[in-house]
PDBML (XML) file of the C-alpha atoms, coordinates in Angstrom:
<?xml version="1.0" encoding="UTF-8" ?>
<PDBx:datablock datablockName="MODEL"
   xmlns:PDBx="http://pdbml.pdb.org/schema/pdbx-v50.xsd"
   xmlns:xsi="http://www.w3.org/2001/XMLSchema-instance"
   xsi:schemaLocation="http://pdbml.pdb.org/schema/pdbx-v50.xsd pdbx-v50.xsd">
   <PDBx:atom_siteCategory>
      <PDBx:atom_site id="1">
         <PDBx:B_iso_or_equiv>0.00</PDBx:B_iso_or_equiv>
         <PDBx:Cartn_x>69.791</PDBx:Cartn_x>
         <PDBx:Cartn_y>110.010</PDBx:Cartn_y>
         <PDBx:Cartn_z>94.771</PDBx:Cartn_z>
         <PDBx:auth_asym_id>A</PDBx:auth_asym_id>
         <PDBx:auth_atom_id>CA</PDBx:auth_atom_id>
         <PDBx:auth_comp_id>GLU</PDBx:auth_comp_id>
         <PDBx:auth_seq_id>1</PDBx:auth_seq_id>
         <PDBx:group_PDB>ATOM</PDBx:group_PDB>
         <PDBx:label_alt_id xsi:nil="true" />
         <PDBx:label_asym_id>A</PDBx:label_asym_id>
         <PDBx:label_atom_id>CA</PDBx:label_atom_id>
         <PDBx:label_comp_id>GLU</PDBx:label_comp_id>
         <PDBx:label_entity_id>1</PDBx:label_entity_id>
         <PDBx:label_seq_id>1</PDBx:label_seq_id>
         <PDBx:occupancy>1.00</PDBx:occupancy>
         <PDBx:pdbx_PDB_model_num>1</PDBx:pdbx_PDB_model_num>
         <PDBx:type_symbol>C</PDBx:type_symbol>
      </PDBx:atom_site>
      <PDBx:atom_site id="2">
         <PDBx:B_iso_or_equiv>0.00</PDBx:B_iso_or_equiv>
         <PDBx:Cartn_x>67.287</PDBx:Cartn_x>
         <PDBx:Cartn_y>112.099</PDBx:Cartn_y>
         <PDBx:Cartn_z>96.683</PDBx:Cartn_z>
         <PDBx:auth_asym_id>A</PDBx:auth_asym_id>
         <PDBx:auth_atom_id>CA</PDBx:auth_atom_id>
         <PDBx:auth_comp_id>VAL</PDBx:auth_comp_id>
         <PDBx:auth_seq_id>2</PDBx:auth_seq_id>
         <PDBx:group_PDB>ATOM</PDBx:group_PDB>
         <PDBx:label_alt_id xsi:nil="true" />
         <PDBx:label_asym_id>A</PDBx:label_asym_id>
         <PDBx:label_atom_id>CA</PDBx:label_atom_id>
         <PDBx:label_comp_id>VAL</PDBx:label_comp_id>
         <PDBx:label_entity_id>1</PDBx:label_entity_id>
         <PDBx:label_seq_id>2</PDBx:label_seq_id>
         <PDBx:occupancy>1.00</PDBx:occupancy>
         <PDBx:pdbx_PDB_model_num>1</PDBx:pdbx_PDB_model_num>
         <PDBx:type_symbol>C</PDBx:type_symbol>
      </PDBx:atom_site>
      <PDBx:atom_site id="3">
         <PDBx:B_iso_or_equiv>0.00</PDBx:B_iso_or_equiv>
         <PDBx:Cartn_x>65.706</PDBx:Cartn_x>
         <PDBx:Cartn_y>115.127</PDBx:Cartn_y>
         <PDBx:Cartn_z>95.066</PDBx:Cartn_z>
         <PDBx:auth_asym_id>A</PDBx:auth_asym_id>
         <PDBx:auth_atom_id>CA</PDBx:auth_atom_id>
         <PDBx:auth_comp_id>ASN</PDBx:auth_comp_id>
         <PDBx:auth_seq_id>3</PDBx:auth_seq_id>
         <PDBx:group_PDB>ATOM</PDBx:group_PDB>
         <PDBx:label_alt_id xsi:nil="true" />
         <PDBx:label_asym_id>A</PDBx:label_asym_id>
         <PDBx:label_atom_id>CA</PDBx:label_atom_id>
         <PDBx:label_comp_id>ASN</PDBx:label_comp_id>
         <PDBx:label_entity_id>1</PDBx:label_entity_id>
         <PDBx:label_seq_id>3</PDBx:label_seq_id>
         <PDBx:occupancy>1.00</PDBx:occupancy>
         <PDBx:pdbx_PDB_model_num>1</PDBx:pdbx_PDB_model_num>
         <PDBx:type_symbol>C</PDBx:type_symbol>
      </PDBx:atom_site>
      <PDBx:atom_site id="4">
         <PDBx:B_iso_or_equiv>0.00</PDBx:B_iso_or_equiv>
         <PDBx:Cartn_x>64.692</PDBx:Cartn_x>
         <PDBx:Cartn_y>118.324</PDBx:Cartn_y>
         <PDBx:Cartn_z>96.837</PDBx:Cartn_z>
         <PDBx:auth_asym_id>A</PDBx:auth_asym_id>
         <PDBx:auth_atom_id>CA</PDBx:auth_atom_id>
         <PDBx:auth_comp_id>ASP</PDBx:auth_comp_id>
         <PDBx:auth_seq_id>4</PDBx:auth_seq_id>
         <PDBx:group_PDB>ATOM</PDBx:group_PDB>
         <PDBx:label_alt_id xsi:nil="true" />
         <PDBx:label_asym_id>A</PDBx:label_asym_id>
         <PDBx:label_atom_id>CA</PDBx:label_atom_id>
         <PDBx:label_comp_id>ASP</PDBx:label_comp_id>
         <PDBx:label_entity_id>1</PDBx:label_entity_id>
         <PDBx:label_seq_id>4</PDBx:label_seq_id>
         <PDBx:occupancy>1.00</PDBx:occupancy>
         <PDBx:pdbx_PDB_model_num>1</PDBx:pdbx_PDB_model_num>
         <PDBx:type_symbol>C</PDBx:type_symbol>
      </PDBx:atom_site>
      <PDBx:atom_site id="5">
         <PDBx:B_iso_or_equiv>0.00</PDBx:B_iso_or_equiv>
         <PDBx:Cartn_x>61.057</PDBx:Cartn_x>
         <PDBx:Cartn_y>117.284</PDBx:Cartn_y>
         <PDBx:Cartn_z>97.190</PDBx:Cartn_z>
         <PDBx:auth_asym_id>A</PDBx:auth_asym_id>
         <PDBx:auth_atom_id>CA</PDBx:auth_atom_id>
         <PDBx:auth_comp_id>GLY</PDBx:auth_comp_id>
         <PDBx:auth_seq_id>5</PDBx:auth_seq_id>
         <PDBx:group_PDB>ATOM</PDBx:group_PDB>
         <PDBx:label_alt_id xsi:nil="true" />
         <PDBx:label_asym_id>A</PDBx:label_asym_id>
         <PDBx:label_atom_id>CA</PDBx:label_atom_id>
         <PDBx:label_comp_id>GLY</PDBx:label_comp_id>
         <PDBx:label_entity_id>1</PDBx:label_entity_id>
         <PDBx:label_seq_id>5</PDBx:label_seq_id>
         <PDBx:occupancy>1.00</PDBx:occupancy>
         <PDBx:pdbx_PDB_model_num>1</PDBx:pdbx_PDB_model_num>
         <PDBx:type_symbol>C</PDBx:type_symbol>
      </PDBx:atom_site>
      <PDBx:atom_site id="6">
         <PDBx:B_iso_or_equiv>0.00</PDBx:B_iso_or_equiv>
         <PDBx:Cartn_x>59.881</PDBx:Cartn_x>
         <PDBx:Cartn_y>119.406</PDBx:Cartn_y>
         <PDBx:Cartn_z>94.262</PDBx:Cartn_z>
         <PDBx:auth_asym_id>A</PDBx:auth_asym_id>
         <PDBx:auth_atom_id>CA</PDBx:auth_atom_id>
         <PDBx:auth_comp_id>SER</PDBx:auth_comp_id>
         <PDBx:auth_seq_id>6</PDBx:auth_seq_id>
         <PDBx:group_PDB>ATOM</PDBx:group_PDB>
         <PDBx:label_alt_id xsi:nil="true" />
         <PDBx:label_asym_id>A</PDBx:label_asym_id>
         <PDBx:label_atom_id>CA</PDBx:label_atom_id>
         <PDBx:label_comp_id>SER</PDBx:label_comp_id>
         <PDBx:label_entity_id>1</PDBx:label_entity_id>
         <PDBx:label_seq_id>6</PDBx:label_seq_id>
         <PDBx:occupancy>1.00</PDBx:occupancy>
         <PDBx:pdbx_PDB_model_num>1</PDBx:pdbx_PDB_model_num>
         <PDBx:type_symbol>C</PDBx:type_symbol>
      </PDBx:atom_site>
      <PDBx:atom_site id="7">
         <PDBx:B_iso_or_equiv>0.00</PDBx:B_iso_or_equiv>
         <PDBx:Cartn_x>57.730</PDBx:Cartn_x>
         <PDBx:Cartn_y>116.531</PDBx:Cartn_y>
         <PDBx:Cartn_z>92.960</PDBx:Cartn_z>
         <PDBx:auth_asym_id>A</PDBx:auth_asym_id>
         <PDBx:auth_atom_id>CA</PDBx:auth_atom_id>
         <PDBx:auth_comp_id>GLU</PDBx:auth_comp_id>
         <PDBx:auth_seq_id>7</PDBx:auth_seq_id>
         <PDBx:group_PDB>ATOM</PDBx:group_PDB>
         <PDBx:label_alt_id xsi:nil="true" />
         <PDBx:label_asym_id>A</PDBx:label_asym_id>
         <PDBx:label_atom_id>CA</PDBx:label_atom_id>
         <PDBx:label_comp_id>GLU</PDBx:label_comp_id>
         <PDBx:label_entity_id>1</PDBx:label_entity_id>
         <PDBx:label_seq_id>7</PDBx:label_seq_id>
         <PDBx:occupancy>1.00</PDBx:occupancy>
         <PDBx:pdbx_PDB_model_num>1</PDBx:pdbx_PDB_model_num>
         <PDBx:type_symbol>C</PDBx:type_symbol>
      </PDBx:atom_site>
      <PDBx:atom_site id="8">
         <PDBx:B_iso_or_equiv>0.00</PDBx:B_iso_or_equiv>
         <PDBx:Cartn_x>55.507</PDBx:Cartn_x>
         <PDBx:Cartn_y>116.904</PDBx:Cartn_y>
         <PDBx:Cartn_z>96.010</PDBx:Cartn_z>
         <PDBx:auth_asym_id>A</PDBx:auth_asym_id>
         <PDBx:auth_atom_id>CA</PDBx:auth_atom_id>
         <PDBx:auth_comp_id>GLY</PDBx:auth_comp_id>
         <PDBx:auth_seq_id>8</PDBx:auth_seq_id>
         <PDBx:group_PDB>ATOM</PDBx:group_PDB>
         <PDBx:label_alt_id xsi:nil="true" />
         <PDBx:label_asym_id>A</PDBx:label_asym_id>
         <PDBx:label_atom_id>CA</PDBx:label_atom_id>
         <PDBx:label_comp_id>GLY</PDBx:label_comp_id>
         <PDBx:label_entity_id>1</PDBx:label_entity_id>
         <PDBx:label_seq_id>8</PDBx:label_seq_id>
         <PDBx:occupancy>1.00</PDBx:occupancy>
         <PDBx:pdbx_PDB_model_num>1</PDBx:pdbx_PDB_model_num>
         <PDBx:type_symbol>C</PDBx:type_symbol>
      </PDBx:atom_site>
      <PDBx:atom_site id="9">
         <PDBx:B_iso_or_equiv>0.00</PDBx:B_iso_or_equiv>
         <PDBx:Cartn_x>55.710</PDBx:Cartn_x>
         <PDBx:Cartn_y>118.129</PDBx:Cartn_y>
         <PDBx:Cartn_z>99.558</PDBx:Cartn_z>
         <PDBx:auth_asym_id>A</PDBx:auth_asym_id>
         <PDBx:auth_atom_id>CA</PDBx:auth_atom_id>
         <PDBx:auth_comp_id>GLN</PDBx:auth_comp_id>
         <PDBx:auth_seq_id>9</PDBx:auth_seq_id>
         <PDBx:group_PDB>ATOM</PDBx:group_PDB>
         <PDBx:label_alt_id xsi:nil="true" />
         <PDBx:label_asym_id>A</PDBx:label_asym_id>
         <PDBx:label_atom_id>CA</PDBx:label_atom_id>
         <PDBx:label_comp_id>GLN</PDBx:label_comp_id>
         <PDBx:label_entity_id>1</PDBx:label_entity_id>
         <PDBx:label_seq_id>9</PDBx:label_seq_id>
         <PDBx:occupancy>1.00</PDBx:occupancy>
         <PDBx:pdbx_PDB_model_num>1</PDBx:pdbx_PDB_model_num>
         <PDBx:type_symbol>C</PDBx:type_symbol>
      </PDBx:atom_site>
      <PDBx:atom_site id="10">
         <PDBx:B_iso_or_equiv>0.00</PDBx:B_iso_or_equiv>
         <PDBx:Cartn_x>53.197</PDBx:Cartn_x>
         <PDBx:Cartn_y>115.845</PDBx:Cartn_y>
         <PDBx:Cartn_z>101.226</PDBx:Cartn_z>
         <PDBx:auth_asym_id>A</PDBx:auth_asym_id>
         <PDBx:auth_atom_id>CA</PDBx:auth_atom_id>
         <PDBx:auth_comp_id>GLU</PDBx:auth_comp_id>
         <PDBx:auth_seq_id>10</PDBx:auth_seq_id>
         <PDBx:group_PDB>ATOM</PDBx:group_PDB>
         <PDBx:label_alt_id xsi:nil="true" />
         <PDBx:label_asym_id>A</PDBx:label_asym_id>
         <PDBx:label_atom_id>CA</PDBx:label_atom_id>
         <PDBx:label_comp_id>GLU</PDBx:label_comp_id>
         <PDBx:label_entity_id>1</PDBx:label_entity_id>
         <PDBx:label_seq_id>10</PDBx:label_seq_id>
         <PDBx:occupancy>1.00</PDBx:occupancy>
         <PDBx:pdbx_PDB_model_num>1</PDBx:pdbx_PDB_model_num>
         <PDBx:type_symbol>C</PDBx:type_symbol>
      </PDBx:atom_site>
      <PDBx:atom_site id="11">
         <PDBx:B_iso_or_equiv>0.00</PDBx:B_iso_or_equiv>
         <PDBx:Cartn_x>54.275</PDBx:Cartn_x>
         <PDBx:Cartn_y>112.747</PDBx:Cartn_y>
         <PDBx:Cartn_z>103.150</PDBx:Cartn_z>
         <PDBx:auth_asym_id>A</PDBx:auth_asym_id>
         <PDBx:auth_atom_id>CA</PDBx:auth_atom_id>
         <PDBx:auth_comp_id>SER</PDBx:auth_comp_id>
         <PDBx:auth_seq_id>11</PDBx:auth_seq_id>
         <PDBx:group_PDB>ATOM</PDBx:group_PDB>
         <PDBx:label_alt_id xsi:nil="true" />
         <PDBx:label_asym_id>A</PDBx:label_asym_id>
         <PDBx:label_atom_id>CA</PDBx:label_atom_id>
         <PDBx:label_comp_id>SER</PDBx:label_comp_id>
         <PDBx:label_entity_id>1</PDBx:label_entity_id>
         <PDBx:label_seq_id>11</PDBx:label_seq_id>
         <PDBx:occupancy>1.00</PDBx:occupancy>
         <PDBx:pdbx_PDB_model_num>1</PDBx:pdbx_PDB_model_num>
         <PDBx:type_symbol>C</PDBx:type_symbol>
      </PDBx:atom_site>
      <PDBx:atom_site id="12">
         <PDBx:B_iso_or_equiv>0.00</PDBx:B_iso_or_equiv>
         <PDBx:Cartn_x>55.197</PDBx:Cartn_x>
         <PDBx:Cartn_y>110.019</PDBx:Cartn_y>
         <PDBx:Cartn_z>100.721</PDBx:Cartn_z>
         <PDBx:auth_asym_id>A</PDBx:auth_asym_id>
         <PDBx:auth_atom_id>CA</PDBx:auth_atom_id>
         <PDBx:auth_comp_id>GLY</PDBx:auth_comp_id>
         <PDBx:auth_seq_id>12</PDBx:auth_seq_id>
         <PDBx:group_PDB>ATOM</PDBx:group_PDB>
         <PDBx:label_alt_id xsi:nil="true" />
         <PDBx:label_asym_id>A</PDBx:label_asym_id>
         <PDBx:label_atom_id>CA</PDBx:label_atom_id>
         <PDBx:label_comp_id>GLY</PDBx:label_comp_id>
         <PDBx:label_entity_id>1</PDBx:label_entity_id>
         <PDBx:label_seq_id>12</PDBx:label_seq_id>
         <PDBx:occupancy>1.00</PDBx:occupancy>
         <PDBx:pdbx_PDB_model_num>1</PDBx:pdbx_PDB_model_num>
         <PDBx:type_symbol>C</PDBx:type_symbol>
      </PDBx:atom_site>
      <PDBx:atom_site id="13">
         <PDBx:B_iso_or_equiv>0.00</PDBx:B_iso_or_equiv>
         <PDBx:Cartn_x>55.208</PDBx:Cartn_x>
         <PDBx:Cartn_y>112.370</PDBx:Cartn_y>
         <PDBx:Cartn_z>97.719</PDBx:Cartn_z>
         <PDBx:auth_asym_id>A</PDBx:auth_asym_id>
         <PDBx:auth_atom_id>CA</PDBx:auth_atom_id>
         <PDBx:auth_comp_id>GLU</PDBx:auth_comp_id>
         <PDBx:auth_seq_id>13</PDBx:auth_seq_id>
         <PDBx:group_PDB>ATOM</PDBx:group_PDB>
         <PDBx:label_alt_id xsi:nil="true" />
         <PDBx:label_asym_id>A</PDBx:label_asym_id>
         <PDBx:label_atom_id>CA</PDBx:label_atom_id>
         <PDBx:label_comp_id>GLU</PDBx:label_comp_id>
         <PDBx:label_entity_id>1</PDBx:label_entity_id>
         <PDBx:label_seq_id>13</PDBx:label_seq_id>
         <PDBx:occupancy>1.00</PDBx:occupancy>
         <PDBx:pdbx_PDB_model_num>1</PDBx:pdbx_PDB_model_num>
         <PDBx:type_symbol>C</PDBx:type_symbol>
      </PDBx:atom_site>
      <PDBx:atom_site id="14">
         <PDBx:B_iso_or_equiv>0.00</PDBx:B_iso_or_equiv>
         <PDBx:Cartn_x>58.812</PDBx:Cartn_x>
         <PDBx:Cartn_y>113.510</PDBx:Cartn_y>
         <PDBx:Cartn_z>97.942</PDBx:Cartn_z>
         <PDBx:auth_asym_id>A</PDBx:auth_asym_id>
         <PDBx:auth_atom_id>CA</PDBx:auth_atom_id>
         <PDBx:auth_comp_id>ALA</PDBx:auth_comp_id>
         <PDBx:auth_seq_id>14</PDBx:auth_seq_id>
         <PDBx:group_PDB>ATOM</PDBx:group_PDB>
         <PDBx:label_alt_id xsi:nil="true" />
         <PDBx:label_asym_id>A</PDBx:label_asym_id>
         <PDBx:label_atom_id>CA</PDBx:label_atom_id>
         <PDBx:label_comp_id>ALA</PDBx:label_comp_id>
         <PDBx:label_entity_id>1</PDBx:label_entity_id>
         <PDBx:label_seq_id>14</PDBx:label_seq_id>
         <PDBx:occupancy>1.00</PDBx:occupancy>
         <PDBx:pdbx_PDB_model_num>1</PDBx:pdbx_PDB_model_num>
         <PDBx:type_symbol>C</PDBx:type_symbol>
      </PDBx:atom_site>
      <PDBx:atom_site id="15">
         <PDBx:B_iso_or_equiv>0.00</PDBx:B_iso_or_equiv>
         <PDBx:Cartn_x>61.240</PDBx:Cartn_x>
         <PDBx:Cartn_y>111.229</PDBx:Cartn_y>
         <PDBx:Cartn_z>96.145</PDBx:Cartn_z>
         <PDBx:auth_asym_id>A</PDBx:auth_asym_id>
         <PDBx:auth_atom_id>CA</PDBx:auth_atom_id>
         <PDBx:auth_comp_id>LYS</PDBx:auth_comp_id>
         <PDBx:auth_seq_id>15</PDBx:auth_seq_id>
         <PDBx:group_PDB>ATOM</PDBx:group_PDB>
         <PDBx:label_alt_id xsi:nil="true" />
         <PDBx:label_asym_id>A</PDBx:label_asym_id>
         <PDBx:label_atom_id>CA</PDBx:label_atom_id>
         <PDBx:label_comp_id>LYS</PDBx:label_comp_id>
         <PDBx:label_entity_id>1</PDBx:label_entity_id>
         <PDBx:label_seq_id>15</PDBx:label_seq_id>
         <PDBx:occupancy>1.00</PDBx:occupancy>
         <PDBx:pdbx_PDB_model_num>1</PDBx:pdbx_PDB_model_num>
         <PDBx:type_symbol>C</PDBx:type_symbol>
      </PDBx:atom_site>
      <PDBx:atom_site id="16">
         <PDBx:B_iso_or_equiv>0.00</PDBx:B_iso_or_equiv>
         <PDBx:Cartn_x>61.778</PDBx:Cartn_x>
         <PDBx:Cartn_y>108.134</PDBx:Cartn_y>
         <PDBx:Cartn_z>98.279</PDBx:Cartn_z>
         <PDBx:auth_asym_id>A</PDBx:auth_asym_id>
         <PDBx:auth_atom_id>CA</PDBx:auth_atom_id>
         <PDBx:auth_comp_id>CYS</PDBx:auth_comp_id>
         <PDBx:auth_seq_id>16</PDBx:auth_seq_id>
         <PDBx:group_PDB>ATOM</PDBx:group_PDB>
         <PDBx:label_alt_id xsi:nil="true" />
         <PDBx:label_asym_id>A</PDBx:label_asym_id>
         <PDBx:label_atom_id>CA</PDBx:label_atom_id>
         <PDBx:label_comp_id>CYS</PDBx:label_comp_id>
         <PDBx:label_entity_id>1</PDBx:label_entity_id>
         <PDBx:label_seq_id>16</PDBx:label_seq_id>
         <PDBx:occupancy>1.00</PDBx:occupancy>
         <PDBx:pdbx_PDB_model_num>1</PDBx:pdbx_PDB_model_num>
         <PDBx:type_symbol>C</PDBx:type_symbol>
      </PDBx:atom_site>
      <PDBx:atom_site id="17">
         <PDBx:B_iso_or_equiv>0.00</PDBx:B_iso_or_equiv>
         <PDBx:Cartn_x>65.194</PDBx:Cartn_x>
         <PDBx:Cartn_y>107.704</PDBx:Cartn_y>
         <PDBx:Cartn_z>99.941</PDBx:Cartn_z>
         <PDBx:auth_asym_id>A</PDBx:auth_asym_id>
         <PDBx:auth_atom_id>CA</PDBx:auth_atom_id>
         <PDBx:auth_comp_id>LYS</PDBx:auth_comp_id>
         <PDBx:auth_seq_id>17</PDBx:auth_seq_id>
         <PDBx:group_PDB>ATOM</PDBx:group_PDB>
         <PDBx:label_alt_id xsi:nil="true" />
         <PDBx:label_asym_id>A</PDBx:label_asym_id>
         <PDBx:label_atom_id>CA</PDBx:label_atom_id>
         <PDBx:label_comp_id>LYS</PDBx:label_comp_id>
         <PDBx:label_entity_id>1</PDBx:label_entity_id>
         <PDBx:label_seq_id>17</PDBx:label_seq_id>
         <PDBx:occupancy>1.00</PDBx:occupancy>
         <PDBx:pdbx_PDB_model_num>1</PDBx:pdbx_PDB_model_num>
         <PDBx:type_symbol>C</PDBx:type_symbol>
      </PDBx:atom_site>
      <PDBx:atom_site id="18">
         <PDBx:B_iso_or_equiv>0.00</PDBx:B_iso_or_equiv>
         <PDBx:Cartn_x>65.016</PDBx:Cartn_x>
         <PDBx:Cartn_y>103.913</PDBx:Cartn_y>
         <PDBx:Cartn_z>99.681</PDBx:Cartn_z>
         <PDBx:auth_asym_id>A</PDBx:auth_asym_id>
         <PDBx:auth_atom_id>CA</PDBx:auth_atom_id>
         <PDBx:auth_comp_id>LEU</PDBx:auth_comp_id>
         <PDBx:auth_seq_id>18</PDBx:auth_seq_id>
         <PDBx:group_PDB>ATOM</PDBx:group_PDB>
         <PDBx:label_alt_id xsi:nil="true" />
         <PDBx:label_asym_id>A</PDBx:label_asym_id>
         <PDBx:label_atom_id>CA</PDBx:label_atom_id>
         <PDBx:label_comp_id>LEU</PDBx:label_comp_id>
         <PDBx:label_entity_id>1</PDBx:label_entity_id>
         <PDBx:label_seq_id>18</PDBx:label_seq_id>
         <PDBx:occupancy>1.00</PDBx:occupancy>
         <PDBx:pdbx_PDB_model_num>1</PDBx:pdbx_PDB_model_num>
         <PDBx:type_symbol>C</PDBx:type_symbol>
      </PDBx:atom_site>
      <PDBx:atom_site id="19">
         <PDBx:B_iso_or_equiv>0.00</PDBx:B_iso_or_equiv>
         <PDBx:Cartn_x>66.086</PDBx:Cartn_x>
         <PDBx:Cartn_y>101.822</PDBx:Cartn_y>
         <PDBx:Cartn_z>96.738</PDBx:Cartn_z>
         <PDBx:auth_asym_id>A</PDBx:auth_asym_id>
         <PDBx:auth_atom_id>CA</PDBx:auth_atom_id>
         <PDBx:auth_comp_id>GLY</PDBx:auth_comp_id>
         <PDBx:auth_seq_id>19</PDBx:auth_seq_id>
         <PDBx:group_PDB>ATOM</PDBx:group_PDB>
         <PDBx:label_alt_id xsi:nil="true" />
         <PDBx:label_asym_id>A</PDBx:label_asym_id>
         <PDBx:label_atom_id>CA</PDBx:label_atom_id>
         <PDBx:label_comp_id>GLY</PDBx:label_comp_id>
         <PDBx:label_entity_id>1</PDBx:label_entity_id>
         <PDBx:label_seq_id>19</PDBx:label_seq_id>
         <PDBx:occupancy>1.00</PDBx:occupancy>
         <PDBx:pdbx_PDB_model_num>1</PDBx:pdbx_PDB_model_num>
         <PDBx:type_symbol>C</PDBx:type_symbol>
      </PDBx:atom_site>
      <PDBx:atom_site id="20">
         <PDBx:B_iso_or_equiv>0.00</PDBx:B_iso_or_equiv>
         <PDBx:Cartn_x>62.948</PDBx:Cartn_x>
         <PDBx:Cartn_y>99.709</PDBx:Cartn_y>
         <PDBx:Cartn_z>97.216</PDBx:Cartn_z>
         <PDBx:auth_asym_id>A</PDBx:auth_asym_id>
         <PDBx:auth_atom_id>CA</PDBx:auth_atom_id>
         <PDBx:auth_comp_id>CYS</PDBx:auth_comp_id>
         <PDBx:auth_seq_id>20</PDBx:auth_seq_id>
         <PDBx:group_PDB>ATOM</PDBx:group_PDB>
         <PDBx:label_alt_id xsi:nil="true" />
         <PDBx:label_asym_id>A</PDBx:label_asym_id>
         <PDBx:label_atom_id>CA</PDBx:label_atom_id>
         <PDBx:label_comp_id>CYS</PDBx:label_comp_id>
         <PDBx:label_entity_id>1</PDBx:label_entity_id>
         <PDBx:label_seq_id>20</PDBx:label_seq_id>
         <PDBx:occupancy>1.00</PDBx:occupancy>
         <PDBx:pdbx_PDB_model_num>1</PDBx:pdbx_PDB_model_num>
         <PDBx:type_symbol>C</PDBx:type_symbol>
      </PDBx:atom_site>
      <PDBx:atom_site id="21">
         <PDBx:B_iso_or_equiv>0.00</PDBx:B_iso_or_equiv>
         <PDBx:Cartn_x>59.828</PDBx:Cartn_x>
         <PDBx:Cartn_y>100.466</PDBx:Cartn_y>
         <PDBx:Cartn_z>99.269</PDBx:Cartn_z>
         <PDBx:auth_asym_id>A</PDBx:auth_asym_id>
         <PDBx:auth_atom_id>CA</PDBx:auth_atom_id>
         <PDBx:auth_comp_id>THR</PDBx:auth_comp_id>
         <PDBx:auth_seq_id>21</PDBx:auth_seq_id>
         <PDBx:group_PDB>ATOM</PDBx:group_PDB>
         <PDBx:label_alt_id xsi:nil="true" />
         <PDBx:label_asym_id>A</PDBx:label_asym_id>
         <PDBx:label_atom_id>CA</PDBx:label_atom_id>
         <PDBx:label_comp_id>THR</PDBx:label_comp_id>
         <PDBx:label_entity_id>1</PDBx:label_entity_id>
         <PDBx:label_seq_id>21</PDBx:label_seq_id>
         <PDBx:occupancy>1.00</PDBx:occupancy>
         <PDBx:pdbx_PDB_model_num>1</PDBx:pdbx_PDB_model_num>
         <PDBx:type_symbol>C</PDBx:type_symbol>
      </PDBx:atom_site>
      <PDBx:atom_site id="22">
         <PDBx:B_iso_or_equiv>0.00</PDBx:B_iso_or_equiv>
         <PDBx:Cartn_x>58.486</PDBx:Cartn_x>
         <PDBx:Cartn_y>97.236</PDBx:Cartn_y>
         <PDBx:Cartn_z>100.767</PDBx:Cartn_z>
         <PDBx:auth_asym_id>A</PDBx:auth_asym_id>
         <PDBx:auth_atom_id>CA</PDBx:auth_atom_id>
         <PDBx:auth_comp_id>ILE</PDBx:auth_comp_id>
         <PDBx:auth_seq_id>22</PDBx:auth_seq_id>
         <PDBx:group_PDB>ATOM</PDBx:group_PDB>
         <PDBx:label_alt_id xsi:nil="true" />
         <PDBx:label_asym_id>A</PDBx:label_asym_id>
         <PDBx:label_atom_id>CA</PDBx:label_atom_id>
         <PDBx:label_comp_id>ILE</PDBx:label_comp_id>
         <PDBx:label_entity_id>1</PDBx:label_entity_id>
         <PDBx:label_seq_id>22</PDBx:label_seq_id>
         <PDBx:occupancy>1.00</PDBx:occupancy>
         <PDBx:pdbx_PDB_model_num>1</PDBx:pdbx_PDB_model_num>
         <PDBx:type_symbol>C</PDBx:type_symbol>
      </PDBx:atom_site>
      <PDBx:atom_site id="23">
         <PDBx:B_iso_or_equiv>0.00</PDBx:B_iso_or_equiv>
         <PDBx:Cartn_x>54.725</PDBx:Cartn_x>
         <PDBx:Cartn_y>96.915</PDBx:Cartn_y>
         <PDBx:Cartn_z>101.270</PDBx:Cartn_z>
         <PDBx:auth_asym_id>A</PDBx:auth_asym_id>
         <PDBx:auth_atom_id>CA</PDBx:auth_atom_id>
         <PDBx:auth_comp_id>PHE</PDBx:auth_comp_id>
         <PDBx:auth_seq_id>23</PDBx:auth_seq_id>
         <PDBx:group_PDB>ATOM</PDBx:group_PDB>
         <PDBx:label_alt_id xsi:nil="true" />
         <PDBx:label_asym_id>A</PDBx:label_asym_id>
         <PDBx:label_atom_id>CA</PDBx:label_atom_id>
         <PDBx:label_comp_id>PHE</PDBx:label_comp_id>
         <PDBx:label_entity_id>1</PDBx:label_entity_id>
         <PDBx:label_seq_id>23</PDBx:label_seq_id>
         <PDBx:occupancy>1.00</PDBx:occupancy>
         <PDBx:pdbx_PDB_model_num>1</PDBx:pdbx_PDB_model_num>
         <PDBx:type_symbol>C</PDBx:type_symbol>
      </PDBx:atom_site>
      <PDBx:atom_site id="24">
         <PDBx:B_iso_or_equiv>0.00</PDBx:B_iso_or_equiv>
         <PDBx:Cartn_x>53.566</PDBx:Cartn_x>
         <PDBx:Cartn_y>94.305</PDBx:Cartn_y>
         <PDBx:Cartn_z>103.812</PDBx:Cartn_z>
         <PDBx:auth_asym_id>A</PDBx:auth_asym_id>
         <PDBx:auth_atom_id>CA</PDBx:auth_atom_id>
         <PDBx:auth_comp_id>LEU</PDBx:auth_comp_id>
         <PDBx:auth_seq_id>24</PDBx:auth_seq_id>
         <PDBx:group_PDB>ATOM</PDBx:group_PDB>
         <PDBx:label_alt_id xsi:nil="true" />
         <PDBx:label_asym_id>A</PDBx:label_asym_id>
         <PDBx:label_atom_id>CA</PDBx:label_atom_id>
         <PDBx:label_comp_id>LEU</PDBx:label_comp_id>
         <PDBx:label_entity_id>1</PDBx:label_entity_id>
         <PDBx:label_seq_id>24</PDBx:label_seq_id>
         <PDBx:occupancy>1.00</PDBx:occupancy>
         <PDBx:pdbx_PDB_model_num>1</PDBx:pdbx_PDB_model_num>
         <PDBx:type_symbol>C</PDBx:type_symbol>
      </PDBx:atom_site>
   </PDBx:atom_siteCategory>
</PDBx:datablock>
């Protein structure tokens, strides 16, 4: 589920659309 971005508007601060964010 994707929220409306209320947790933060900056890049990376809105709720992530991915089930898992992979850092390389």
